[in-house]
Amino acid sequence: MSMLKISDGDYDSYGTKLKSHTISVDGNSLTLKLTTEDTDIIYKISEDTREPDISQIERFISSELCEAYAGKKPFTVSEYLQRMYIYIGDIDLGECRQFTASKVL
Protein backbone atom coordinates (compact mmCIF):
# COMPACT_ATOMS: atom_id res chain seq x y z
CA MET A 1 0.00 0.00 0.00
CA SER A 2 1.34 3.43 -0.88
CA MET A 3 1.11 6.36 1.48
CA LEU A 4 1.08 10.09 0.82
CA LYS A 5 2.33 12.43 3.53
CA ILE A 6 1.74 16.17 3.18
CA SER A 7 2.92 18.91 5.52
CA ASP A 8 2.46 22.64 5.22
CA GLY A 9 4.56 25.65 6.19
CA ASP A 10 2.95 25.64 9.64
CA TYR A 11 4.26 22.10 10.23
CA ASP A 12 0.79 20.60 10.18
CA SER A 13 0.88 17.24 8.45
CA TYR A 14 -1.35 14.35 7.55
CA GLY A 15 -1.06 11.01 5.85
CA THR A 16 -3.47 9.26 3.53
CA LYS A 17 -3.51 6.40 1.04
CA LEU A 18 -2.20 7.29 -2.41
CA LYS A 19 -4.36 5.53 -4.99
CA SER A 20 -2.81 6.80 -8.22
CA HIS A 21 -0.99 9.66 -9.88
CA THR A 22 -0.44 11.29 -13.24
CA ILE A 23 2.44 13.42 -14.44
CA SER A 24 2.11 15.52 -17.56
CA VAL A 25 4.89 17.67 -18.98
CA ASP A 26 4.17 20.85 -20.92
CA GLY A 27 7.26 22.77 -22.01
CA ASN A 28 9.26 23.80 -18.94
CA SER A 29 6.67 22.74 -16.35
CA LEU A 30 4.84 19.64 -15.26
CA THR A 31 1.55 18.93 -13.59
CA LEU A 32 1.53 16.33 -10.82
CA LYS A 33 -1.89 14.94 -9.90
CA LEU A 34 -2.07 12.78 -6.79
CA THR A 35 -5.31 10.87 -6.26
CA THR A 36 -6.18 9.76 -2.72
CA GLU A 37 -9.23 8.04 -1.31
CA ASP A 38 -10.83 11.43 -0.64
CA THR A 39 -9.59 13.93 -3.20
CA ASP A 40 -7.22 14.94 -5.96
CA ILE A 41 -4.22 17.13 -5.17
CA ILE A 42 -2.65 18.91 -8.13
CA TYR A 43 0.68 20.76 -8.23
CA LYS A 44 2.18 22.70 -11.11
CA ILE A 45 5.98 22.42 -10.90
CA SER A 46 8.32 24.59 -12.96
CA GLU A 47 11.98 24.62 -13.89
CA ASP A 48 14.11 27.19 -12.08
CA THR A 49 17.81 27.92 -11.47
CA ARG A 50 17.99 25.21 -8.79
CA GLU A 51 16.20 22.59 -10.93
CA PRO A 52 16.70 23.65 -14.58
CA ASP A 53 15.76 20.39 -16.34
CA ILE A 54 12.09 19.33 -16.37
CA SER A 55 13.00 15.78 -17.43
CA GLN A 56 15.23 15.40 -14.34
CA ILE A 57 12.39 16.70 -12.17
CA GLU A 58 10.03 14.17 -13.73
CA ARG A 59 12.50 11.30 -13.18
CA PHE A 60 13.03 12.24 -9.53
CA ILE A 61 9.30 12.46 -8.82
CA SER A 62 8.65 9.18 -10.65
CA SER A 63 11.39 7.49 -8.62
CA GLU A 64 9.92 8.75 -5.34
CA LEU A 65 6.48 7.53 -6.41
CA CYS A 66 7.85 4.09 -7.34
CA GLU A 67 9.35 3.73 -3.86
CA ALA A 68 6.00 4.73 -2.32
CA TYR A 69 4.08 2.19 -4.40
CA ALA A 70 6.63 -0.47 -3.43
CA GLY A 71 5.90 0.32 0.22
CA LYS A 72 9.47 1.42 0.95
CA LYS A 73 8.52 4.89 2.18
CA PRO A 74 5.66 7.39 1.87
CA PHE A 75 5.57 9.90 -0.96
CA THR A 76 6.22 13.07 1.00
CA VAL A 77 5.35 16.63 -0.03
CA SER A 78 6.22 19.58 2.20
CA GLU A 79 4.38 22.69 1.07
CA TYR A 80 5.69 26.23 1.36
CA LEU A 81 3.16 27.67 -1.05
CA GLN A 82 3.35 31.24 0.25
CA ARG A 83 6.91 31.20 -1.13
CA MET A 84 5.87 29.23 -4.22
CA TYR A 85 7.84 26.06 -3.57
CA ILE A 86 7.49 22.51 -2.32
CA TYR A 87 9.89 19.83 -1.18
CA ILE A 88 9.43 16.27 -2.36
CA GLY A 89 11.13 13.60 -0.28
CA ASP A 90 12.07 13.29 3.38
CA ILE A 91 13.39 16.63 4.68
CA ASP A 92 14.48 15.13 8.01
CA LEU A 93 16.76 12.64 6.25
CA GLY A 94 18.00 15.20 3.73
CA GLU A 95 16.61 13.04 0.93
CA CYS A 96 14.49 15.69 -0.74
CA ARG A 97 14.55 18.27 -3.48
CA GLN A 98 13.01 21.72 -3.61
CA PHE A 99 10.86 22.76 -6.58
CA THR A 100 9.16 25.96 -7.66
CA ALA A 101 5.49 25.04 -7.49
CA SER A 102 1.93 26.12 -6.96
CA LYS A 103 -1.04 24.10 -5.81
CA VAL A 104 -3.79 24.02 -8.41
CA LEU A 105 -6.25 21.96 -6.39
C-alpha atoms as a PDB file:
ATOM      1  CA  MET A   1       0.000   0.000   0.000  1.00  0.00           C
ATOM      2  CA  SER A   2       1.343   3.432  -0.879  1.00  0.00           C
ATOM      3  CA  MET A   3       1.109   6.359   1.477  1.00  0.00           C
ATOM      4  CA  LEU A   4       1.076  10.086   0.821  1.00  0.00           C
ATOM      5  CA  LYS A   5       2.333  12.433   3.528  1.00  0.00           C
ATOM      6  CA  ILE A   6       1.738  16.169   3.179  1.00  0.00           C
ATOM      7  CA  SER A   7       2.916  18.905   5.516  1.00  0.00           C
ATOM      8  CA  ASP A   8       2.460  22.642   5.215  1.00  0.00           C
ATOM      9  CA  GLY A   9       4.557  25.653   6.186  1.00  0.00           C
ATOM     10  CA  ASP A  10       2.946  25.642   9.644  1.00  0.00           C
ATOM     11  CA  TYR A  11       4.259  22.098  10.225  1.00  0.00           C
ATOM     12  CA  ASP A  12       0.786  20.597  10.179  1.00  0.00           C
ATOM     13  CA  SER A  13       0.882  17.238   8.453  1.00  0.00           C
ATOM     14  CA  TYR A  14      -1.346  14.352   7.552  1.00  0.00           C
ATOM     15  CA  GLY A  15      -1.058  11.010   5.850  1.00  0.00           C
ATOM     16  CA  THR A  16      -3.469   9.263   3.530  1.00  0.00           C
ATOM     17  CA  LYS A  17      -3.512   6.405   1.039  1.00  0.00           C
ATOM     18  CA  LEU A  18      -2.196   7.287  -2.412  1.00  0.00           C
ATOM     19  CA  LYS A  19      -4.356   5.530  -4.986  1.00  0.00           C
ATOM     20  CA  SER A  20      -2.808   6.796  -8.217  1.00  0.00           C
ATOM     21  CA  HIS A  21      -0.992   9.663  -9.877  1.00  0.00           C
ATOM     22  CA  THR A  22      -0.437  11.287 -13.243  1.00  0.00           C
ATOM     23  CA  ILE A  23       2.445  13.421 -14.436  1.00  0.00           C
ATOM     24  CA  SER A  24       2.106  15.521 -17.564  1.00  0.00           C
ATOM     25  CA  VAL A  25       4.890  17.672 -18.979  1.00  0.00           C
ATOM     26  CA  ASP A  26       4.168  20.847 -20.918  1.00  0.00           C
ATOM     27  CA  GLY A  27       7.263  22.766 -22.006  1.00  0.00           C
ATOM     28  CA  ASN A  28       9.260  23.798 -18.943  1.00  0.00           C
ATOM     29  CA  SER A  29       6.666  22.741 -16.354  1.00  0.00           C
ATOM     30  CA  LEU A  30       4.845  19.643 -15.258  1.00  0.00           C
ATOM     31  CA  THR A  31       1.548  18.929 -13.592  1.00  0.00           C
ATOM     32  CA  LEU A  32       1.526  16.334 -10.823  1.00  0.00           C
ATOM     33  CA  LYS A  33      -1.891  14.944  -9.898  1.00  0.00           C
ATOM     34  CA  LEU A  34      -2.075  12.779  -6.785  1.00  0.00           C
ATOM     35  CA  THR A  35      -5.313  10.869  -6.256  1.00  0.00           C
ATOM     36  CA  THR A  36      -6.185   9.760  -2.725  1.00  0.00           C
ATOM     37  CA  GLU A  37      -9.231   8.035  -1.311  1.00  0.00           C
ATOM     38  CA  ASP A  38     -10.832  11.431  -0.636  1.00  0.00           C
ATOM     39  CA  THR A  39      -9.591  13.929  -3.198  1.00  0.00           C
ATOM     40  CA  ASP A  40      -7.216  14.935  -5.956  1.00  0.00           C
ATOM     41  CA  ILE A  41      -4.217  17.130  -5.168  1.00  0.00           C
ATOM     42  CA  ILE A  42      -2.647  18.912  -8.131  1.00  0.00           C
ATOM     43  CA  TYR A  43       0.677  20.756  -8.229  1.00  0.00           C
ATOM     44  CA  LYS A  44       2.184  22.701 -11.114  1.00  0.00           C
ATOM     45  CA  ILE A  45       5.976  22.418 -10.895  1.00  0.00           C
ATOM     46  CA  SER A  46       8.316  24.585 -12.962  1.00  0.00           C
ATOM     47  CA  GLU A  47      11.979  24.619 -13.889  1.00  0.00           C
ATOM     48  CA  ASP A  48      14.109  27.191 -12.075  1.00  0.00           C
ATOM     49  CA  THR A  49      17.806  27.916 -11.470  1.00  0.00           C
ATOM     50  CA  ARG A  50      17.994  25.215  -8.787  1.00  0.00           C
ATOM     51  CA  GLU A  51      16.196  22.589 -10.934  1.00  0.00           C
ATOM     52  CA  PRO A  52      16.698  23.650 -14.575  1.00  0.00           C
ATOM     53  CA  ASP A  53      15.761  20.387 -16.341  1.00  0.00           C
ATOM     54  CA  ILE A  54      12.094  19.331 -16.371  1.00  0.00           C
ATOM     55  CA  SER A  55      12.996  15.781 -17.432  1.00  0.00           C
ATOM     56  CA  GLN A  56      15.231  15.400 -14.345  1.00  0.00           C
ATOM     57  CA  ILE A  57      12.390  16.697 -12.174  1.00  0.00           C
ATOM     58  CA  GLU A  58      10.033  14.167 -13.728  1.00  0.00           C
ATOM     59  CA  ARG A  59      12.501  11.304 -13.178  1.00  0.00           C
ATOM     60  CA  PHE A  60      13.031  12.243  -9.525  1.00  0.00           C
ATOM     61  CA  ILE A  61       9.296  12.465  -8.817  1.00  0.00           C
ATOM     62  CA  SER A  62       8.648   9.180 -10.648  1.00  0.00           C
ATOM     63  CA  SER A  63      11.390   7.486  -8.622  1.00  0.00           C
ATOM     64  CA  GLU A  64       9.921   8.751  -5.343  1.00  0.00           C
ATOM     65  CA  LEU A  65       6.475   7.529  -6.407  1.00  0.00           C
ATOM     66  CA  CYS A  66       7.853   4.089  -7.342  1.00  0.00           C
ATOM     67  CA  GLU A  67       9.346   3.732  -3.860  1.00  0.00           C
ATOM     68  CA  ALA A  68       6.004   4.733  -2.320  1.00  0.00           C
ATOM     69  CA  TYR A  69       4.077   2.192  -4.405  1.00  0.00           C
ATOM     70  CA  ALA A  70       6.628  -0.468  -3.435  1.00  0.00           C
ATOM     71  CA  GLY A  71       5.903   0.316   0.221  1.00  0.00           C
ATOM     72  CA  LYS A  72       9.475   1.422   0.950  1.00  0.00           C
ATOM     73  CA  LYS A  73       8.517   4.889   2.181  1.00  0.00           C
ATOM     74  CA  PRO A  74       5.659   7.386   1.875  1.00  0.00           C
ATOM     75  CA  PHE A  75       5.568   9.898  -0.964  1.00  0.00           C
ATOM     76  CA  THR A  76       6.224  13.068   1.005  1.00  0.00           C
ATOM     77  CA  VAL A  77       5.355  16.626  -0.031  1.00  0.00           C
ATOM     78  CA  SER A  78       6.224  19.580   2.201  1.00  0.00           C
ATOM     79  CA  GLU A  79       4.379  22.689   1.073  1.00  0.00           C
ATOM     80  CA  TYR A  80       5.687  26.235   1.355  1.00  0.00           C
ATOM     81  CA  LEU A  81       3.160  27.670  -1.055  1.00  0.00           C
ATOM     82  CA  GLN A  82       3.350  31.238   0.252  1.00  0.00           C
ATOM     83  CA  ARG A  83       6.908  31.201  -1.130  1.00  0.00           C
ATOM     84  CA  MET A  84       5.869  29.227  -4.225  1.00  0.00           C
ATOM     85  CA  TYR A  85       7.838  26.056  -3.566  1.00  0.00           C
ATOM     86  CA  ILE A  86       7.489  22.506  -2.320  1.00  0.00           C
ATOM     87  CA  TYR A  87       9.892  19.832  -1.182  1.00  0.00           C
ATOM     88  CA  ILE A  88       9.430  16.273  -2.360  1.00  0.00           C
ATOM     89  CA  GLY A  89      11.125  13.601  -0.284  1.00  0.00           C
ATOM     90  CA  ASP A  90      12.074  13.291   3.381  1.00  0.00           C
ATOM     91  CA  ILE A  91      13.394  16.629   4.681  1.00  0.00           C
ATOM     92  CA  ASP A  92      14.477  15.134   8.010  1.00  0.00           C
ATOM     93  CA  LEU A  93      16.756  12.635   6.251  1.00  0.00           C
ATOM     94  CA  GLY A  94      18.000  15.197   3.728  1.00  0.00           C
ATOM     95  CA  GLU A  95      16.605  13.044   0.926  1.00  0.00           C
ATOM     96  CA  CYS A  96      14.491  15.692  -0.737  1.00  0.00           C
ATOM     97  CA  ARG A  97      14.546  18.270  -3.484  1.00  0.00           C
ATOM     98  CA  GLN A  98      13.015  21.717  -3.606  1.00  0.00           C
ATOM     99  CA  PHE A  99      10.861  22.763  -6.578  1.00  0.00           C
ATOM    100  CA  THR A 100       9.158  25.957  -7.660  1.00  0.00           C
ATOM    101  CA  ALA A 101       5.492  25.038  -7.486  1.00  0.00           C
ATOM    102  CA  SER A 102       1.932  26.121  -6.963  1.00  0.00           C
ATOM    103  CA  LYS A 103      -1.036  24.099  -5.806  1.00  0.00           C
ATOM    104  CA  VAL A 104      -3.787  24.025  -8.410  1.00  0.00           C
ATOM    105  CA  LEU A 105      -6.250  21.960  -6.388  1.00  0.00           C
END
